[in-house]
Amino acid sequence: MGVYTREMEDLRLQFNDWIRSNDELFDYVSDAEAVVRDQHEDGWYFHEGIHLGDHLHPNAEGGQLLADAWDLKQLLGR
């Protein structure tokens, strides 16, 4: 099994920045990371209490926060 490296995190951050800034390619983007992140000096993690203990997968509360973050009117073009 592989190990998540600093290089992988840097690539993830670059990719997310590209998605967030590319309004010509995407009609709508829901920024899940912005909903769940807790910024630390060495990167970001899920806020405590909204993940399954692995800082990667949301628990029920985290899933609800992510679901509530969707702007359904904008997503559906209304």
PDB file of N, CA and C in Angstrom:
ATOM      1  N   MET A   1       0.849  -1.181   0.000  1.00  0.00           N
ATOM      2  CA  MET A   1       0.000   0.000   0.000  1.00  0.00           C
ATOM      3  C   MET A   1       0.895   1.245   0.000  1.00  0.00           C
ATOM      4  N   GLY A   2       0.516   2.211  -0.781  1.00  0.00           N
ATOM      5  CA  GLY A   2       1.298   3.435  -0.905  1.00  0.00           C
ATOM      6  C   GLY A   2       1.155   4.355   0.289  1.00  0.00           C
ATOM      7  N   VAL A   3       2.017   5.330   0.328  1.00  0.00           N
ATOM      8  CA  VAL A   3       2.018   6.332   1.387  1.00  0.00           C
ATOM      9  C   VAL A   3       1.703   7.680   0.749  1.00  0.00           C
ATOM     10  N   TYR A   4       0.838   8.434   1.381  1.00  0.00           N
ATOM     11  CA  TYR A   4       0.492   9.767   0.892  1.00  0.00           C
ATOM     12  C   TYR A   4       1.658  10.704   1.166  1.00  0.00           C
ATOM     13  N   THR A   5       2.196  11.301   0.112  1.00  0.00           N
ATOM     14  CA  THR A   5       3.409  12.107   0.242  1.00  0.00           C
ATOM     15  C   THR A   5       3.098  13.603   0.141  1.00  0.00           C
ATOM     16  N   ARG A   6       4.066  14.403   0.486  1.00  0.00           N
ATOM     17  CA  ARG A   6       3.949  15.862   0.345  1.00  0.00           C
ATOM     18  C   ARG A   6       3.756  16.243  -1.122  1.00  0.00           C
ATOM     19  N   GLU A   7       4.431  15.523  -2.015  1.00  0.00           N
ATOM     20  CA  GLU A   7       4.287  15.786  -3.448  1.00  0.00           C
ATOM     21  C   GLU A   7       2.855  15.525  -3.906  1.00  0.00           C
ATOM     22  N   MET A   8       2.246  14.469  -3.394  1.00  0.00           N
ATOM     23  CA  MET A   8       0.855  14.158  -3.736  1.00  0.00           C
ATOM     24  C   MET A   8      -0.078  15.252  -3.218  1.00  0.00           C
ATOM     25  N   GLU A   9       0.175  15.733  -2.016  1.00  0.00           N
ATOM     26  CA  GLU A   9      -0.635  16.810  -1.448  1.00  0.00           C
ATOM     27  C   GLU A   9      -0.480  18.085  -2.270  1.00  0.00           C
ATOM     28  N   ASP A  10       0.745  18.397  -2.680  1.00  0.00           N
ATOM     29  CA  ASP A  10       0.972  19.584  -3.510  1.00  0.00           C
ATOM     30  C   ASP A  10       0.224  19.479  -4.836  1.00  0.00           C
ATOM     31  N   LEU A  11       0.237  18.308  -5.447  1.00  0.00           N
ATOM     32  CA  LEU A  11      -0.490  18.091  -6.697  1.00  0.00           C
ATOM     33  C   LEU A  11      -1.993  18.239  -6.483  1.00  0.00           C
ATOM     34  N   ARG A  12      -2.502  17.689  -5.381  1.00  0.00           N
ATOM     35  CA  ARG A  12      -3.930  17.817  -5.061  1.00  0.00           C
ATOM     36  C   ARG A  12      -4.314  19.284  -4.909  1.00  0.00           C
ATOM     37  N   LEU A  13      -3.483  20.056  -4.224  1.00  0.00           N
ATOM     38  CA  LEU A  13      -3.755  21.476  -4.025  1.00  0.00           C
ATOM     39  C   LEU A  13      -3.743  22.236  -5.350  1.00  0.00           C
ATOM     40  N   GLN A  14      -2.776  21.927  -6.215  1.00  0.00           N
ATOM     41  CA  GLN A  14      -2.714  22.569  -7.528  1.00  0.00           C
ATOM     42  C   GLN A  14      -3.951  22.241  -8.356  1.00  0.00           C
ATOM     43  N   PHE A  15      -4.369  20.993  -8.327  1.00  0.00           N
ATOM     44  CA  PHE A  15      -5.542  20.570  -9.083  1.00  0.00           C
ATOM     45  C   PHE A  15      -6.803  21.265  -8.562  1.00  0.00           C
ATOM     46  N   ASN A  16      -6.958  21.330  -7.251  1.00  0.00           N
ATOM     47  CA  ASN A  16      -8.116  22.014  -6.672  1.00  0.00           C
ATOM     48  C   ASN A  16      -8.124  23.500  -7.028  1.00  0.00           C
ATOM     49  N   ASP A  17      -6.961  24.145  -6.982  1.00  0.00           N
ATOM     50  CA  ASP A  17      -6.881  25.557  -7.373  1.00  0.00           C
ATOM     51  C   ASP A  17      -7.294  25.741  -8.832  1.00  0.00           C
ATOM     52  N   TRP A  18      -6.872  24.826  -9.699  1.00  0.00           N
ATOM     53  CA  TRP A  18      -7.241  24.893 -11.111  1.00  0.00           C
ATOM     54  C   TRP A  18      -8.759  24.774 -11.283  1.00  0.00           C
ATOM     55  N   ILE A  19      -9.369  23.831 -10.582  1.00  0.00           N
ATOM     56  CA  ILE A  19     -10.824  23.659 -10.665  1.00  0.00           C
ATOM     57  C   ILE A  19     -11.530  24.915 -10.167  1.00  0.00           C
ATOM     58  N   ARG A  20     -11.105  25.434  -9.015  1.00  0.00           N
ATOM     59  CA  ARG A  20     -11.767  26.603  -8.431  1.00  0.00           C
ATOM     60  C   ARG A  20     -11.662  27.839  -9.315  1.00  0.00           C
ATOM     61  N   SER A  21     -10.601  27.959 -10.085  1.00  0.00           N
ATOM     62  CA  SER A  21     -10.383  29.169 -10.874  1.00  0.00           C
ATOM     63  C   SER A  21     -10.802  29.027 -12.335  1.00  0.00           C
ATOM     64  N   ASN A  22     -11.310  27.878 -12.725  1.00  0.00           N
ATOM     65  CA  ASN A  22     -11.633  27.630 -14.122  1.00  0.00           C
ATOM     66  C   ASN A  22     -13.134  27.747 -14.368  1.00  0.00           C
ATOM     67  N   ASP A  23     -13.654  28.981 -14.333  1.00  0.00           N
ATOM     68  CA  ASP A  23     -15.093  29.171 -14.512  1.00  0.00           C
ATOM     69  C   ASP A  23     -15.516  29.078 -15.973  1.00  0.00           C
ATOM     70  N   GLU A  24     -14.574  28.976 -16.893  1.00  0.00           N
ATOM     71  CA  GLU A  24     -14.924  28.788 -18.300  1.00  0.00           C
ATOM     72  C   GLU A  24     -15.231  27.324 -18.602  1.00  0.00           C
ATOM     73  N   LEU A  25     -14.720  26.421 -17.810  1.00  0.00           N
ATOM     74  CA  LEU A  25     -14.897  25.000 -18.053  1.00  0.00           C
ATOM     75  C   LEU A  25     -16.075  24.420 -17.276  1.00  0.00           C
ATOM     76  N   PHE A  26     -16.312  24.956 -16.093  1.00  0.00           N
ATOM     77  CA  PHE A  26     -17.340  24.397 -15.218  1.00  0.00           C
ATOM     78  C   PHE A  26     -18.445  25.414 -14.985  1.00  0.00           C
ATOM     79  N   ASP A  27     -19.686  24.963 -15.065  1.00  0.00           N
ATOM     80  CA  ASP A  27     -20.825  25.835 -14.777  1.00  0.00           C
ATOM     81  C   ASP A  27     -21.010  26.022 -13.273  1.00  0.00           C
ATOM     82  N   TYR A  28     -20.683  24.995 -12.509  1.00  0.00           N
ATOM     83  CA  TYR A  28     -20.897  25.032 -11.068  1.00  0.00           C
ATOM     84  C   TYR A  28     -19.898  24.102 -10.403  1.00  0.00           C
ATOM     85  N   VAL A  29     -19.347  24.530  -9.287  1.00  0.00           N
ATOM     86  CA  VAL A  29     -18.432  23.712  -8.501  1.00  0.00           C
ATOM     87  C   VAL A  29     -18.852  23.802  -7.052  1.00  0.00           C
ATOM     88  N   SER A  30     -19.012  22.661  -6.416  1.00  0.00           N
ATOM     89  CA  SER A  30     -19.250  22.620  -4.981  1.00  0.00           C
ATOM     90  C   SER A  30     -17.926  22.266  -4.326  1.00  0.00           C
ATOM     91  N   ASP A  31     -17.408  23.142  -3.500  1.00  0.00           N
ATOM     92  CA  ASP A  31     -16.076  22.983  -2.921  1.00  0.00           C
ATOM     93  C   ASP A  31     -16.163  22.203  -1.610  1.00  0.00           C
ATOM     94  N   ALA A  32     -16.123  20.889  -1.708  1.00  0.00           N
ATOM     95  CA  ALA A  32     -16.245  20.028  -0.531  1.00  0.00           C
ATOM     96  C   ALA A  32     -15.119  20.279   0.468  1.00  0.00           C
ATOM     97  N   GLU A  33     -13.925  20.509  -0.041  1.00  0.00           N
ATOM     98  CA  GLU A  33     -12.803  20.737   0.860  1.00  0.00           C
ATOM     99  C   GLU A  33     -13.041  21.960   1.746  1.00  0.00           C
ATOM    100  N   ALA A  34     -13.598  23.016   1.171  1.00  0.00           N
ATOM    101  CA  ALA A  34     -13.852  24.235   1.945  1.00  0.00           C
ATOM    102  C   ALA A  34     -14.867  23.987   3.063  1.00  0.00           C
ATOM    103  N   VAL A  35     -15.756  23.024   2.855  1.00  0.00           N
ATOM    104  CA  VAL A  35     -16.784  22.719   3.853  1.00  0.00           C
ATOM    105  C   VAL A  35     -16.196  21.968   5.044  1.00  0.00           C
ATOM    106  N   VAL A  36     -15.265  21.060   4.794  1.00  0.00           N
ATOM    107  CA  VAL A  36     -14.804  20.158   5.858  1.00  0.00           C
ATOM    108  C   VAL A  36     -13.409  20.449   6.389  1.00  0.00           C
ATOM    109  N   ARG A  37     -12.669  21.346   5.757  1.00  0.00           N
ATOM    110  CA  ARG A  37     -11.255  21.490   6.122  1.00  0.00           C
ATOM    111  C   ARG A  37     -11.051  22.246   7.429  1.00  0.00           C
ATOM    112  N   ASP A  38     -10.002  21.842   8.085  1.00  0.00           N
ATOM    113  CA  ASP A  38      -9.485  22.494   9.274  1.00  0.00           C
ATOM    114  C   ASP A  38      -8.014  22.723   8.978  1.00  0.00           C
ATOM    115  N   GLN A  39      -7.638  23.953   8.690  1.00  0.00           N
ATOM    116  CA  GLN A  39      -6.279  24.278   8.233  1.00  0.00           C
ATOM    117  C   GLN A  39      -5.271  24.142   9.361  1.00  0.00           C
ATOM    118  N   HIS A  40      -4.187  23.472   9.063  1.00  0.00           N
ATOM    119  CA  HIS A  40      -3.048  23.334   9.978  1.00  0.00           C
ATOM    120  C   HIS A  40      -1.798  23.796   9.250  1.00  0.00           C
ATOM    121  N   GLU A  41      -0.745  24.029   9.970  1.00  0.00           N
ATOM    122  CA  GLU A  41       0.481  24.500   9.327  1.00  0.00           C
ATOM    123  C   GLU A  41       1.065  23.465   8.374  1.00  0.00           C
ATOM    124  N   ASP A  42       0.781  22.188   8.578  1.00  0.00           N
ATOM    125  CA  ASP A  42       1.319  21.155   7.705  1.00  0.00           C
ATOM    126  C   ASP A  42       0.291  20.639   6.701  1.00  0.00           C
ATOM    127  N   GLY A  43      -0.782  21.360   6.499  1.00  0.00           N
ATOM    128  CA  GLY A  43      -1.799  20.952   5.532  1.00  0.00           C
ATOM    129  C   GLY A  43      -3.190  21.108   6.102  1.00  0.00           C
ATOM    130  N   TRP A  44      -4.140  20.444   5.491  1.00  0.00           N
ATOM    131  CA  TRP A  44      -5.513  20.539   5.969  1.00  0.00           C
ATOM    132  C   TRP A  44      -5.995  19.156   6.368  1.00  0.00           C
ATOM    133  N   TYR A  45      -6.950  19.164   7.258  1.00  0.00           N
ATOM    134  CA  TYR A  45      -7.574  17.943   7.741  1.00  0.00           C
ATOM    135  C   TYR A  45      -9.063  18.201   7.904  1.00  0.00           C
ATOM    136  N   PHE A  46      -9.833  17.134   8.011  1.00  0.00           N
ATOM    137  CA  PHE A  46     -11.240  17.280   8.370  1.00  0.00           C
ATOM    138  C   PHE A  46     -11.341  17.917   9.747  1.00  0.00           C
ATOM    139  N   HIS A  47     -12.345  18.768   9.925  1.00  0.00           N
ATOM    140  CA  HIS A  47     -12.643  19.229  11.275  1.00  0.00           C
ATOM    141  C   HIS A  47     -12.907  18.002  12.137  1.00  0.00           C
ATOM    142  N   GLU A  48     -12.481  18.068  13.382  1.00  0.00           N
ATOM    143  CA  GLU A  48     -12.740  16.957  14.296  1.00  0.00           C
ATOM    144  C   GLU A  48     -14.249  16.769  14.452  1.00  0.00           C
ATOM    145  N   GLY A  49     -14.661  15.540  14.575  1.00  0.00           N
ATOM    146  CA  GLY A  49     -16.065  15.236  14.820  1.00  0.00           C
ATOM    147  C   GLY A  49     -16.902  15.051  13.567  1.00  0.00           C
ATOM    148  N   ILE A  50     -16.319  15.285  12.377  1.00  0.00           N
ATOM    149  CA  ILE A  50     -17.121  15.102  11.153  1.00  0.00           C
ATOM    150  C   ILE A  50     -16.473  14.090  10.200  1.00  0.00           C
ATOM    151  N   HIS A  51     -15.565  13.249  10.710  1.00  0.00           N
ATOM    152  CA  HIS A  51     -14.970  12.189   9.889  1.00  0.00           C
ATOM    153  C   HIS A  51     -15.040  10.872  10.657  1.00  0.00           C
ATOM    154  N   LEU A  52     -14.759   9.795   9.941  1.00  0.00           N
ATOM    155  CA  LEU A  52     -14.873   8.462  10.525  1.00  0.00           C
ATOM    156  C   LEU A  52     -13.655   8.046  11.342  1.00  0.00           C
ATOM    157  N   GLY A  53     -12.772   8.999  11.623  1.00  0.00           N
ATOM    158  CA  GLY A  53     -11.576   8.688  12.388  1.00  0.00           C
ATOM    159  C   GLY A  53     -10.332   8.639  11.528  1.00  0.00           C
ATOM    160  N   ASP A  54     -10.507   8.759  10.206  1.00  0.00           N
ATOM    161  CA  ASP A  54      -9.354   8.676   9.305  1.00  0.00           C
ATOM    162  C   ASP A  54      -9.013  10.008   8.642  1.00  0.00           C
ATOM    163  N   HIS A  55      -9.735  11.069   8.992  1.00  0.00           N
ATOM    164  CA  HIS A  55      -9.531  12.401   8.403  1.00  0.00           C
ATOM    165  C   HIS A  55      -9.690  12.375   6.881  1.00  0.00           C
ATOM    166  N   LEU A  56     -10.437  11.407   6.373  1.00  0.00           N
ATOM    167  CA  LEU A  56     -10.609  11.273   4.934  1.00  0.00           C
ATOM    168  C   LEU A  56     -12.070  11.069   4.539  1.00  0.00           C
ATOM    169  N   HIS A  57     -12.786  10.272   5.307  1.00  0.00           N
ATOM    170  CA  HIS A  57     -14.172   9.941   4.982  1.00  0.00           C
ATOM    171  C   HIS A  57     -15.121  10.581   5.994  1.00  0.00           C
ATOM    172  N   PRO A  58     -16.155  11.269   5.505  1.00  0.00           N
ATOM    173  CA  PRO A  58     -17.077  11.938   6.430  1.00  0.00           C
ATOM    174  C   PRO A  58     -17.968  10.945   7.174  1.00  0.00           C
ATOM    175  N   ASN A  59     -18.288  11.300   8.414  1.00  0.00           N
ATOM    176  CA  ASN A  59     -19.307  10.548   9.138  1.00  0.00           C
ATOM    177  C   ASN A  59     -20.670  11.135   8.756  1.00  0.00           C
ATOM    178  N   ALA A  60     -21.730  10.769   9.457  1.00  0.00           N
ATOM    179  CA  ALA A  60     -23.069  11.251   9.113  1.00  0.00           C
ATOM    180  C   ALA A  60     -23.160  12.772   9.194  1.00  0.00           C
ATOM    181  N   GLU A  61     -22.572  13.362  10.230  1.00  0.00           N
ATOM    182  CA  GLU A  61     -22.606  14.819  10.365  1.00  0.00           C
ATOM    183  C   GLU A  61     -21.824  15.491   9.230  1.00  0.00           C
ATOM    184  N   GLY A  62     -20.658  14.961   8.916  1.00  0.00           N
ATOM    185  CA  GLY A  62     -19.864  15.503   7.815  1.00  0.00           C
ATOM    186  C   GLY A  62     -20.572  15.347   6.480  1.00  0.00           C
ATOM    187  N   GLY A  63     -21.213  14.212   6.278  1.00  0.00           N
ATOM    188  CA  GLY A  63     -21.970  13.998   5.050  1.00  0.00           C
ATOM    189  C   GLY A  63     -23.116  14.980   4.914  1.00  0.00           C
ATOM    190  N   GLN A  64     -23.779  15.279   6.034  1.00  0.00           N
ATOM    191  CA  GLN A  64     -24.872  16.250   5.992  1.00  0.00           C
ATOM    192  C   GLN A  64     -24.346  17.646   5.669  1.00  0.00           C
ATOM    193  N   LEU A  65     -23.208  18.015   6.240  1.00  0.00           N
ATOM    194  CA  LEU A  65     -22.605  19.317   5.924  1.00  0.00           C
ATOM    195  C   LEU A  65     -22.286  19.419   4.433  1.00  0.00           C
ATOM    196  N   LEU A  66     -21.751  18.345   3.872  1.00  0.00           N
ATOM    197  CA  LEU A  66     -21.439  18.338   2.442  1.00  0.00           C
ATOM    198  C   LEU A  66     -22.711  18.427   1.605  1.00  0.00           C
ATOM    199  N   ALA A  67     -23.747  17.698   1.988  1.00  0.00           N
ATOM    200  CA  ALA A  67     -25.011  17.750   1.248  1.00  0.00           C
ATOM    201  C   ALA A  67     -25.627  19.140   1.325  1.00  0.00           C
ATOM    202  N   ASP A  68     -25.573  19.762   2.490  1.00  0.00           N
ATOM    203  CA  ASP A  68     -26.160  21.094   2.666  1.00  0.00           C
ATOM    204  C   ASP A  68     -25.397  22.172   1.896  1.00  0.00           C
ATOM    205  N   ALA A  69     -24.148  21.894   1.543  1.00  0.00           N
ATOM    206  CA  ALA A  69     -23.328  22.890   0.843  1.00  0.00           C
ATOM    207  C   ALA A  69     -23.718  23.061  -0.620  1.00  0.00           C
ATOM    208  N   TRP A  70     -24.439  22.102  -1.180  1.00  0.00           N
ATOM    209  CA  TRP A  70     -24.843  22.197  -2.588  1.00  0.00           C
ATOM    210  C   TRP A  70     -25.905  23.270  -2.765  1.00  0.00           C
ATOM    211  N   ASP A  71     -25.704  24.132  -3.739  1.00  0.00           N
ATOM    212  CA  ASP A  71     -26.711  25.117  -4.122  1.00  0.00           C
ATOM    213  C   ASP A  71     -27.533  24.498  -5.235  1.00  0.00           C
ATOM    214  N   LEU A  72     -28.648  23.873  -4.870  1.00  0.00           N
ATOM    215  CA  LEU A  72     -29.422  23.097  -5.846  1.00  0.00           C
ATOM    216  C   LEU A  72     -30.009  23.970  -6.940  1.00  0.00           C
ATOM    217  N   LYS A  73     -30.376  25.209  -6.633  1.00  0.00           N
ATOM    218  CA  LYS A  73     -30.896  26.095  -7.663  1.00  0.00           C
ATOM    219  C   LYS A  73     -29.835  26.362  -8.729  1.00  0.00           C
ATOM    220  N   GLN A  74     -28.616  26.640  -8.288  1.00  0.00           N
ATOM    221  CA  GLN A  74     -27.546  26.893  -9.238  1.00  0.00           C
ATOM    222  C   GLN A  74     -27.171  25.605  -9.977  1.00  0.00           C
ATOM    223  N   LEU A  75     -27.149  24.498  -9.278  1.00  0.00           N
ATOM    224  CA  LEU A  75     -26.812  23.229  -9.894  1.00  0.00           C
ATOM    225  C   LEU A  75     -27.803  22.851 -10.994  1.00  0.00           C
ATOM    226  N   LEU A  76     -29.072  23.139 -10.755  1.00  0.00           N
ATOM    227  CA  LEU A  76     -30.112  22.817 -11.725  1.00  0.00           C
ATOM    228  C   LEU A  76     -30.341  23.928 -12.744  1.00  0.00           C
ATOM    229  N   GLY A  77     -29.625  25.046 -12.611  1.00  0.00           N
ATOM    230  CA  GLY A  77     -29.745  26.126 -13.569  1.00  0.00           C
ATOM    231  C   GLY A  77     -30.978  26.984 -13.379  1.00  0.00           C
ATOM    232  N   ARG A  78     -31.469  27.067 -12.175  1.00  0.00           N
ATOM    233  CA  ARG A  78     -32.668  27.865 -11.901  1.00  0.00           C
ATOM    234  C   ARG A  78     -32.309  29.170 -11.229  1.00  0.00           C
TER     235      ARG A  78
END
